[in-house]
Amino acid sequence: MIPVWKQVTPALASELIAFWARNNAIPDPTKAAERATQAVLVGRDGDGGIWSVGTAVLGIVPSFGQPTYLYRQFFAPSHRGMKLTMPFLVRARDTLEAYNASLPQPESVGVMIELQNDAMSVRYQDMYEAEAGAHFIGWSPRGRQLRMLYFKGARIMVQPQVAHIRNA
């Protein structure tokens, strides 16, 4: 697993675009080129071929209201079911956390994921998943679990504009 956050070369971008096309993940080359610039971590096999990639983009999910790295990862079918999902996610989180900590001012409170795999959604039912340090924080508009992996020492960064607060 090789960290590539903010270090994607044109050669790596081309490899990622081809990887996604070959695996029918992102067949549109324009979308794939944009996503390639967001690469955080790449998994390579012994021959140097890519078998996985994790990508992230900084954003604020309105229902959460905090700046987070919105994270996705994709594995080639050949590397699914090998219990690599969590170690890959943890390594990506660590990469993003180190980058965020290196900034003069942090830009994110952590990493947010949406569990898109049905089997994983069934497997992870606890409110807190210790292996990845992932907290359940609600449901996406698509009805998928949202999980938050907070960075060490993260603090609330953005306060919403509240015109009126009602007693619940």
N, C-alpha and C. Protein backbone atom coordinates (compact mmCIF):
# COMPACT_ATOMS: atom_id res chain seq x y z
N MET A 1 0.84 -1.17 0.00
CA MET A 1 0.00 0.00 0.00
C MET A 1 0.89 1.24 0.00
N ILE A 2 0.74 2.03 -1.03
CA ILE A 2 1.64 3.16 -1.25
C ILE A 2 0.87 4.48 -1.16
N PRO A 3 1.23 5.33 -0.18
CA PRO A 3 0.58 6.64 -0.10
C PRO A 3 0.96 7.50 -1.31
N VAL A 4 -0.05 8.14 -1.93
CA VAL A 4 0.19 8.99 -3.10
C VAL A 4 -0.55 10.33 -2.99
N TRP A 5 -1.11 10.63 -1.82
CA TRP A 5 -1.90 11.85 -1.63
C TRP A 5 -1.08 13.09 -2.00
N LYS A 6 -1.64 13.88 -2.89
CA LYS A 6 -1.02 15.13 -3.37
C LYS A 6 0.27 14.87 -4.15
N GLN A 7 0.47 13.63 -4.62
CA GLN A 7 1.69 13.28 -5.35
C GLN A 7 1.38 12.45 -6.60
N VAL A 8 0.19 12.62 -7.15
CA VAL A 8 -0.21 11.82 -8.33
C VAL A 8 0.47 12.38 -9.57
N THR A 9 1.30 11.57 -10.19
CA THR A 9 1.99 11.95 -11.41
C THR A 9 1.10 11.66 -12.62
N PRO A 10 1.40 12.25 -13.76
CA PRO A 10 0.63 11.90 -14.97
C PRO A 10 0.68 10.41 -15.28
N ALA A 11 1.81 9.76 -15.04
CA ALA A 11 1.92 8.32 -15.30
C ALA A 11 1.00 7.52 -14.38
N LEU A 12 0.96 7.89 -13.09
CA LEU A 12 0.07 7.19 -12.17
C LEU A 12 -1.39 7.46 -12.53
N ALA A 13 -1.72 8.69 -12.89
CA ALA A 13 -3.09 9.01 -13.30
C ALA A 13 -3.51 8.13 -14.48
N SER A 14 -2.63 7.95 -15.45
CA SER A 14 -2.93 7.09 -16.60
C SER A 14 -3.16 5.65 -16.17
N GLU A 15 -2.35 5.15 -15.23
CA GLU A 15 -2.53 3.79 -14.72
C GLU A 15 -3.87 3.64 -14.01
N LEU A 16 -4.24 4.65 -13.22
CA LEU A 16 -5.50 4.59 -12.50
C LEU A 16 -6.69 4.62 -13.44
N ILE A 17 -6.63 5.48 -14.45
CA ILE A 17 -7.70 5.56 -15.44
C ILE A 17 -7.87 4.20 -16.13
N ALA A 18 -6.77 3.57 -16.50
CA ALA A 18 -6.82 2.25 -17.14
C ALA A 18 -7.34 1.18 -16.17
N PHE A 19 -6.92 1.24 -14.91
CA PHE A 19 -7.37 0.30 -13.87
C PHE A 19 -8.89 0.37 -13.72
N TRP A 20 -9.42 1.58 -13.58
CA TRP A 20 -10.87 1.74 -13.41
C TRP A 20 -11.62 1.27 -14.66
N ALA A 21 -11.12 1.61 -15.84
CA ALA A 21 -11.77 1.19 -17.09
C ALA A 21 -11.77 -0.34 -17.21
N ARG A 22 -10.63 -0.95 -16.92
CA ARG A 22 -10.48 -2.41 -17.02
C ARG A 22 -11.45 -3.14 -16.08
N ASN A 23 -11.74 -2.52 -14.94
CA ASN A 23 -12.61 -3.13 -13.93
C ASN A 23 -14.03 -2.58 -13.95
N ASN A 24 -14.37 -1.83 -15.01
CA ASN A 24 -15.71 -1.25 -15.16
C ASN A 24 -16.15 -0.44 -13.93
N ALA A 25 -15.20 0.23 -13.29
CA ALA A 25 -15.50 1.03 -12.10
C ALA A 25 -15.85 2.46 -12.50
N ILE A 26 -15.01 3.08 -13.30
CA ILE A 26 -15.25 4.44 -13.79
C ILE A 26 -14.93 4.41 -15.28
N PRO A 27 -15.91 4.02 -16.10
CA PRO A 27 -15.63 3.89 -17.53
C PRO A 27 -15.45 5.22 -18.26
N ASP A 28 -15.99 6.29 -17.72
CA ASP A 28 -15.85 7.61 -18.35
C ASP A 28 -14.44 8.15 -18.09
N PRO A 29 -13.60 8.29 -19.13
CA PRO A 29 -12.21 8.73 -18.91
C PRO A 29 -12.09 10.12 -18.31
N THR A 30 -13.04 10.99 -18.59
CA THR A 30 -12.99 12.35 -18.01
C THR A 30 -13.22 12.28 -16.50
N LYS A 31 -14.21 11.51 -16.08
CA LYS A 31 -14.47 11.35 -14.64
C LYS A 31 -13.32 10.62 -13.97
N ALA A 32 -12.78 9.62 -14.65
CA ALA A 32 -11.66 8.87 -14.09
C ALA A 32 -10.43 9.76 -13.92
N ALA A 33 -10.20 10.65 -14.88
CA ALA A 33 -9.05 11.56 -14.79
C ALA A 33 -9.20 12.50 -13.60
N GLU A 34 -10.41 12.98 -13.38
CA GLU A 34 -10.67 13.85 -12.22
C GLU A 34 -10.46 13.08 -10.92
N ARG A 35 -10.99 11.86 -10.85
CA ARG A 35 -10.85 11.04 -9.64
C ARG A 35 -9.39 10.67 -9.38
N ALA A 36 -8.62 10.47 -10.44
CA ALA A 36 -7.21 10.09 -10.27
C ALA A 36 -6.44 11.14 -9.48
N THR A 37 -6.79 12.41 -9.65
CA THR A 37 -6.10 13.48 -8.91
C THR A 37 -6.40 13.43 -7.42
N GLN A 38 -7.42 12.65 -7.04
CA GLN A 38 -7.84 12.54 -5.65
C GLN A 38 -7.27 11.30 -4.95
N ALA A 39 -6.37 10.58 -5.61
CA ALA A 39 -5.84 9.34 -5.05
C ALA A 39 -5.07 9.59 -3.75
N VAL A 40 -5.35 8.73 -2.78
CA VAL A 40 -4.70 8.79 -1.46
C VAL A 40 -3.71 7.65 -1.32
N LEU A 41 -4.12 6.46 -1.75
CA LEU A 41 -3.36 5.24 -1.51
C LEU A 41 -3.58 4.29 -2.67
N VAL A 42 -2.52 3.61 -3.06
CA VAL A 42 -2.60 2.64 -4.15
C VAL A 42 -2.03 1.32 -3.66
N GLY A 43 -2.72 0.22 -3.99
CA GLY A 43 -2.21 -1.11 -3.71
C GLY A 43 -1.64 -1.69 -4.99
N ARG A 44 -0.44 -2.25 -4.92
CA ARG A 44 0.20 -2.87 -6.08
C ARG A 44 0.57 -4.31 -5.75
N ASP A 45 0.46 -5.16 -6.76
CA ASP A 45 0.85 -6.55 -6.57
C ASP A 45 2.35 -6.71 -6.81
N GLY A 46 2.85 -7.93 -6.72
CA GLY A 46 4.28 -8.19 -6.88
C GLY A 46 4.83 -7.80 -8.23
N ASP A 47 3.97 -7.74 -9.24
CA ASP A 47 4.39 -7.35 -10.59
C ASP A 47 4.23 -5.85 -10.83
N GLY A 48 3.78 -5.12 -9.80
CA GLY A 48 3.61 -3.67 -9.93
C GLY A 48 2.25 -3.24 -10.42
N GLY A 49 1.37 -4.20 -10.70
CA GLY A 49 0.02 -3.85 -11.17
C GLY A 49 -0.85 -3.34 -10.04
N ILE A 50 -1.70 -2.40 -10.34
CA ILE A 50 -2.61 -1.84 -9.33
C ILE A 50 -3.74 -2.81 -9.06
N TRP A 51 -4.02 -3.06 -7.78
CA TRP A 51 -5.16 -3.90 -7.40
C TRP A 51 -6.18 -3.12 -6.57
N SER A 52 -5.79 -1.92 -6.09
CA SER A 52 -6.73 -1.12 -5.31
C SER A 52 -6.31 0.33 -5.33
N VAL A 53 -7.31 1.18 -5.06
CA VAL A 53 -7.03 2.60 -4.92
C VAL A 53 -8.05 3.21 -3.97
N GLY A 54 -7.60 4.12 -3.15
CA GLY A 54 -8.47 4.90 -2.29
C GLY A 54 -8.36 6.36 -2.71
N THR A 55 -9.51 7.04 -2.77
CA THR A 55 -9.52 8.44 -3.18
C THR A 55 -10.29 9.26 -2.15
N ALA A 56 -10.00 10.54 -2.10
CA ALA A 56 -10.69 11.42 -1.17
C ALA A 56 -10.80 12.82 -1.75
N VAL A 57 -11.83 13.51 -1.28
CA VAL A 57 -12.02 14.91 -1.63
C VAL A 57 -12.51 15.61 -0.36
N LEU A 58 -12.03 16.81 -0.12
CA LEU A 58 -12.44 17.58 1.04
C LEU A 58 -13.84 18.14 0.78
N GLY A 59 -14.72 17.96 1.74
CA GLY A 59 -16.07 18.48 1.58
C GLY A 59 -16.81 18.52 2.90
N ILE A 60 -17.99 19.11 2.85
CA ILE A 60 -18.86 19.16 4.02
C ILE A 60 -20.20 18.54 3.65
N VAL A 61 -20.54 17.44 4.29
CA VAL A 61 -21.85 16.82 4.11
C VAL A 61 -22.82 17.65 4.97
N PRO A 62 -23.85 18.24 4.36
CA PRO A 62 -24.73 19.16 5.10
C PRO A 62 -25.26 18.61 6.42
N SER A 63 -25.67 17.35 6.45
CA SER A 63 -26.23 16.81 7.69
C SER A 63 -25.19 16.65 8.79
N PHE A 64 -23.91 16.61 8.42
CA PHE A 64 -22.82 16.47 9.40
C PHE A 64 -22.24 17.83 9.76
N GLY A 65 -22.07 18.69 8.78
CA GLY A 65 -21.67 20.07 9.02
C GLY A 65 -20.22 20.31 9.38
N GLN A 66 -19.36 19.34 9.15
CA GLN A 66 -17.94 19.50 9.44
C GLN A 66 -17.12 19.15 8.20
N PRO A 67 -15.99 19.84 7.99
CA PRO A 67 -15.14 19.49 6.85
C PRO A 67 -14.49 18.12 7.07
N THR A 68 -14.67 17.25 6.09
CA THR A 68 -14.10 15.91 6.17
C THR A 68 -13.53 15.53 4.82
N TYR A 69 -12.66 14.53 4.85
CA TYR A 69 -12.22 13.92 3.62
C TYR A 69 -13.26 12.85 3.29
N LEU A 70 -13.99 13.06 2.21
CA LEU A 70 -15.00 12.09 1.76
C LEU A 70 -14.24 11.03 0.98
N TYR A 71 -14.23 9.83 1.50
CA TYR A 71 -13.33 8.77 1.04
C TYR A 71 -14.07 7.64 0.33
N ARG A 72 -13.44 7.11 -0.73
CA ARG A 72 -13.92 5.93 -1.46
C ARG A 72 -12.73 5.01 -1.67
N GLN A 73 -13.00 3.71 -1.74
CA GLN A 73 -11.94 2.81 -2.16
C GLN A 73 -12.52 1.74 -3.06
N PHE A 74 -11.68 1.29 -3.98
CA PHE A 74 -12.10 0.28 -4.95
C PHE A 74 -11.01 -0.77 -5.05
N PHE A 75 -11.44 -2.04 -5.00
CA PHE A 75 -10.53 -3.17 -5.14
C PHE A 75 -10.87 -3.92 -6.42
N ALA A 76 -9.86 -4.37 -7.12
CA ALA A 76 -10.07 -5.25 -8.27
C ALA A 76 -10.72 -6.54 -7.75
N PRO A 77 -11.57 -7.16 -8.54
CA PRO A 77 -12.21 -8.41 -8.09
C PRO A 77 -11.21 -9.45 -7.58
N SER A 78 -10.02 -9.48 -8.15
CA SER A 78 -9.00 -10.45 -7.74
C SER A 78 -8.54 -10.28 -6.29
N HIS A 79 -8.78 -9.11 -5.70
CA HIS A 79 -8.32 -8.84 -4.34
C HIS A 79 -9.46 -8.62 -3.35
N ARG A 80 -10.66 -8.94 -3.74
CA ARG A 80 -11.79 -8.84 -2.83
C ARG A 80 -11.87 -10.11 -1.98
N GLY A 81 -12.43 -9.97 -0.78
CA GLY A 81 -12.59 -11.13 0.09
C GLY A 81 -11.31 -11.61 0.74
N MET A 82 -10.27 -10.78 0.70
CA MET A 82 -8.97 -11.17 1.27
C MET A 82 -8.68 -10.48 2.60
N LYS A 83 -9.71 -9.86 3.16
CA LYS A 83 -9.60 -9.15 4.44
C LYS A 83 -8.58 -8.00 4.38
N LEU A 84 -8.58 -7.30 3.23
CA LEU A 84 -7.68 -6.16 3.05
C LEU A 84 -8.41 -4.83 3.17
N THR A 85 -9.73 -4.86 3.23
CA THR A 85 -10.51 -3.62 3.25
C THR A 85 -10.15 -2.73 4.43
N MET A 86 -10.18 -3.28 5.63
CA MET A 86 -9.91 -2.45 6.82
C MET A 86 -8.46 -2.00 6.90
N PRO A 87 -7.47 -2.90 6.67
CA PRO A 87 -6.09 -2.40 6.70
C PRO A 87 -5.85 -1.29 5.67
N PHE A 88 -6.47 -1.42 4.51
CA PHE A 88 -6.32 -0.40 3.47
C PHE A 88 -6.94 0.92 3.93
N LEU A 89 -8.15 0.84 4.49
CA LEU A 89 -8.83 2.03 5.01
C LEU A 89 -8.02 2.70 6.12
N VAL A 90 -7.49 1.91 7.03
CA VAL A 90 -6.70 2.47 8.14
C VAL A 90 -5.45 3.16 7.60
N ARG A 91 -4.80 2.55 6.63
CA ARG A 91 -3.60 3.18 6.06
C ARG A 91 -3.95 4.49 5.35
N ALA A 92 -5.08 4.51 4.65
CA ALA A 92 -5.52 5.75 3.98
C ALA A 92 -5.84 6.82 5.02
N ARG A 93 -6.55 6.42 6.09
CA ARG A 93 -6.85 7.38 7.15
C ARG A 93 -5.56 7.95 7.75
N ASP A 94 -4.61 7.09 8.02
CA ASP A 94 -3.33 7.55 8.59
C ASP A 94 -2.62 8.51 7.65
N THR A 95 -2.68 8.24 6.35
CA THR A 95 -2.06 9.12 5.34
C THR A 95 -2.72 10.49 5.35
N LEU A 96 -4.05 10.50 5.36
CA LEU A 96 -4.77 11.78 5.37
C LEU A 96 -4.59 12.52 6.69
N GLU A 97 -4.55 11.77 7.78
CA GLU A 97 -4.35 12.40 9.09
C GLU A 97 -2.97 13.06 9.18
N ALA A 98 -1.94 12.39 8.68
CA ALA A 98 -0.59 12.96 8.69
C ALA A 98 -0.53 14.22 7.84
N TYR A 99 -1.16 14.19 6.67
CA TYR A 99 -1.20 15.37 5.81
C TYR A 99 -1.92 16.52 6.52
N ASN A 100 -3.09 16.23 7.06
CA ASN A 100 -3.89 17.26 7.74
C ASN A 100 -3.11 17.88 8.90
N ALA A 101 -2.39 17.03 9.65
CA ALA A 101 -1.60 17.51 10.80
C ALA A 101 -0.42 18.37 10.34
N SER A 102 0.04 18.18 9.11
CA SER A 102 1.19 18.95 8.62
C SER A 102 0.80 20.36 8.16
N LEU A 103 -0.48 20.62 8.03
CA LEU A 103 -0.93 21.92 7.56
C LEU A 103 -0.84 22.96 8.67
N PRO A 104 -0.64 24.24 8.33
CA PRO A 104 -0.61 25.28 9.36
C PRO A 104 -1.89 25.31 10.18
N GLN A 105 -3.00 25.02 9.53
CA GLN A 105 -4.32 24.94 10.17
C GLN A 105 -5.02 23.69 9.60
N PRO A 106 -5.50 22.79 10.46
CA PRO A 106 -6.18 21.59 9.92
C PRO A 106 -7.35 21.99 9.03
N GLU A 107 -7.57 21.18 7.97
CA GLU A 107 -8.69 21.45 7.07
C GLU A 107 -9.81 20.43 7.23
N SER A 108 -9.61 19.40 8.06
CA SER A 108 -10.59 18.32 8.18
C SER A 108 -10.60 17.76 9.60
N VAL A 109 -11.77 17.25 10.00
CA VAL A 109 -11.87 16.60 11.31
C VAL A 109 -11.66 15.09 11.22
N GLY A 110 -11.62 14.57 9.98
CA GLY A 110 -11.42 13.14 9.81
C GLY A 110 -11.86 12.67 8.44
N VAL A 111 -12.13 11.37 8.35
CA VAL A 111 -12.48 10.72 7.10
C VAL A 111 -13.90 10.17 7.21
N MET A 112 -14.74 10.49 6.23
CA MET A 112 -16.10 9.97 6.19
C MET A 112 -16.22 8.95 5.07
N ILE A 113 -16.88 7.83 5.38
CA ILE A 113 -17.12 6.80 4.37
C ILE A 113 -18.61 6.46 4.33
N GLU A 114 -19.05 6.05 3.17
CA GLU A 114 -20.40 5.51 2.98
C GLU A 114 -20.22 4.05 2.61
N LEU A 115 -20.78 3.15 3.42
CA LEU A 115 -20.66 1.73 3.12
C LEU A 115 -21.58 1.38 1.96
N GLN A 116 -20.99 1.16 0.80
CA GLN A 116 -21.78 0.86 -0.39
C GLN A 116 -21.90 -0.63 -0.64
N ASN A 117 -21.09 -1.41 0.04
CA ASN A 117 -21.11 -2.86 -0.11
C ASN A 117 -22.13 -3.45 0.87
N ASP A 118 -23.14 -4.15 0.36
CA ASP A 118 -24.20 -4.69 1.21
C ASP A 118 -23.66 -5.66 2.26
N ALA A 119 -22.70 -6.49 1.89
CA ALA A 119 -22.14 -7.45 2.84
C ALA A 119 -21.45 -6.73 3.99
N MET A 120 -20.76 -5.65 3.69
CA MET A 120 -20.09 -4.89 4.76
C MET A 120 -21.13 -4.21 5.66
N SER A 121 -22.20 -3.72 5.07
CA SER A 121 -23.25 -3.08 5.86
C SER A 121 -23.88 -4.06 6.84
N VAL A 122 -24.01 -5.31 6.43
CA VAL A 122 -24.56 -6.34 7.32
C VAL A 122 -23.53 -6.70 8.39
N ARG A 123 -22.28 -6.77 7.99
CA ARG A 123 -21.21 -7.17 8.92
C ARG A 123 -20.97 -6.13 10.01
N TYR A 124 -21.00 -4.87 9.65
CA TYR A 124 -20.70 -3.81 10.60
C TYR A 124 -21.99 -3.20 11.15
N GLN A 125 -22.40 -3.70 12.31
CA GLN A 125 -23.64 -3.26 12.93
C GLN A 125 -23.41 -2.52 14.25
N ASP A 126 -22.20 -2.55 14.77
CA ASP A 126 -21.91 -1.84 16.01
C ASP A 126 -21.82 -0.33 15.74
N MET A 127 -22.20 0.46 16.70
CA MET A 127 -22.13 1.91 16.56
C MET A 127 -20.68 2.38 16.38
N TYR A 128 -19.76 1.63 16.98
CA TYR A 128 -18.33 1.96 16.86
C TYR A 128 -17.59 0.72 16.41
N GLU A 129 -16.82 0.85 15.35
CA GLU A 129 -16.01 -0.25 14.81
C GLU A 129 -14.56 0.02 15.20
N ALA A 130 -14.06 -0.74 16.17
CA ALA A 130 -12.75 -0.48 16.74
C ALA A 130 -11.60 -0.64 15.76
N GLU A 131 -11.67 -1.62 14.87
CA GLU A 131 -10.55 -1.89 13.95
C GLU A 131 -10.17 -0.65 13.15
N ALA A 132 -11.15 0.07 12.65
CA ALA A 132 -10.88 1.28 11.86
C ALA A 132 -11.12 2.55 12.68
N GLY A 133 -11.66 2.41 13.88
CA GLY A 133 -12.01 3.60 14.66
C GLY A 133 -13.16 4.35 14.01
N ALA A 134 -14.13 3.61 13.46
CA ALA A 134 -15.21 4.20 12.68
C ALA A 134 -16.51 4.27 13.48
N HIS A 135 -17.02 5.47 13.61
CA HIS A 135 -18.27 5.72 14.32
C HIS A 135 -19.43 5.77 13.32
N PHE A 136 -20.53 5.11 13.64
CA PHE A 136 -21.75 5.24 12.84
C PHE A 136 -22.32 6.63 13.12
N ILE A 137 -22.61 7.40 12.05
CA ILE A 137 -23.14 8.75 12.26
C ILE A 137 -24.47 8.98 11.56
N GLY A 138 -25.01 7.95 10.92
CA GLY A 138 -26.31 8.10 10.29
C GLY A 138 -26.37 7.43 8.93
N TRP A 139 -27.35 7.85 8.15
CA TRP A 139 -27.61 7.24 6.85
C TRP A 139 -27.43 8.27 5.75
N SER A 140 -26.89 7.82 4.63
CA SER A 140 -26.74 8.69 3.47
C SER A 140 -28.10 8.84 2.79
N PRO A 141 -28.23 9.80 1.88
CA PRO A 141 -29.49 9.92 1.13
C PRO A 141 -29.84 8.64 0.36
N ARG A 142 -28.83 7.80 0.08
CA ARG A 142 -29.08 6.53 -0.62
C ARG A 142 -29.40 5.39 0.33
N GLY A 143 -29.54 5.71 1.63
CA GLY A 143 -29.89 4.69 2.61
C GLY A 143 -28.73 3.81 3.03
N ARG A 144 -27.50 4.30 2.85
CA ARG A 144 -26.30 3.55 3.22
C ARG A 144 -25.72 4.09 4.53
N GLN A 145 -25.03 3.21 5.27
CA GLN A 145 -24.39 3.64 6.51
C GLN A 145 -23.33 4.70 6.22
N LEU A 146 -23.31 5.72 7.05
CA LEU A 146 -22.22 6.69 7.04
C LEU A 146 -21.38 6.44 8.28
N ARG A 147 -20.09 6.38 8.08
CA ARG A 147 -19.14 6.15 9.18
C ARG A 147 -18.11 7.27 9.19
N MET A 148 -17.74 7.69 10.39
CA MET A 148 -16.76 8.76 10.55
C MET A 148 -15.56 8.24 11.30
N LEU A 149 -14.38 8.50 10.75
CA LEU A 149 -13.11 8.16 11.39
C LEU A 149 -12.46 9.48 11.78
N TYR A 150 -12.63 9.86 13.03
CA TYR A 150 -12.11 11.15 13.50
C TYR A 150 -10.59 11.10 13.64
N PHE A 151 -9.96 12.23 13.35
CA PHE A 151 -8.52 12.35 13.58
C PHE A 151 -8.27 12.59 15.07
N LYS A 152 -7.09 12.18 15.54
CA LYS A 152 -6.72 12.42 16.93
C LYS A 152 -6.78 13.92 17.22
N GLY A 153 -7.43 14.26 18.32
CA GLY A 153 -7.49 15.66 18.73
C GLY A 153 -8.42 16.53 17.90
N ALA A 154 -9.22 15.92 17.02
CA ALA A 154 -10.12 16.71 16.17
C ALA A 154 -11.10 17.50 17.04
N ARG A 155 -11.35 18.71 16.59
CA ARG A 155 -12.28 19.59 17.29
C ARG A 155 -13.29 20.14 16.29
N ILE A 156 -14.43 20.53 16.78
CA ILE A 156 -15.45 21.11 15.92
C ILE A 156 -14.84 22.32 15.21
N MET A 157 -14.99 22.36 13.88
CA MET A 157 -14.36 23.42 13.10
C MET A 157 -15.35 24.45 12.56
N VAL A 158 -16.57 24.02 12.27
CA VAL A 158 -17.54 24.92 11.65
C VAL A 158 -18.81 24.86 12.49
N GLN A 159 -19.28 26.02 12.89
CA GLN A 159 -20.55 26.06 13.61
C GLN A 159 -21.62 26.55 12.65
N PRO A 160 -22.73 25.83 12.59
CA PRO A 160 -23.79 26.26 11.68
C PRO A 160 -24.42 27.56 12.15
N GLN A 161 -24.94 28.29 11.21
CA GLN A 161 -25.68 29.49 11.55
C GLN A 161 -27.05 29.06 12.05
N VAL A 162 -27.31 29.30 13.30
CA VAL A 162 -28.58 28.87 13.89
C VAL A 162 -29.39 30.10 14.22
N ALA A 163 -30.51 30.25 13.53
CA ALA A 163 -31.39 31.41 13.76
C ALA A 163 -32.27 31.20 14.98
N HIS A 164 -32.66 29.96 15.20
CA HIS A 164 -33.59 29.69 16.28
C HIS A 164 -33.41 28.25 16.74
N ILE A 165 -33.24 28.08 18.02
CA ILE A 165 -33.10 26.74 18.58
C ILE A 165 -34.32 26.47 19.43
N ARG A 166 -34.97 25.35 19.19
CA ARG A 166 -36.14 24.96 19.96
C ARG A 166 -35.74 23.93 21.01
N ASN A 167 -36.44 23.94 22.11
CA ASN A 167 -36.24 22.90 23.11
C ASN A 167 -36.86 21.62 22.60
N ALA A 168 -36.15 20.55 22.71
CA ALA A 168 -36.64 19.27 22.18
C ALA A 168 -37.57 18.60 23.17
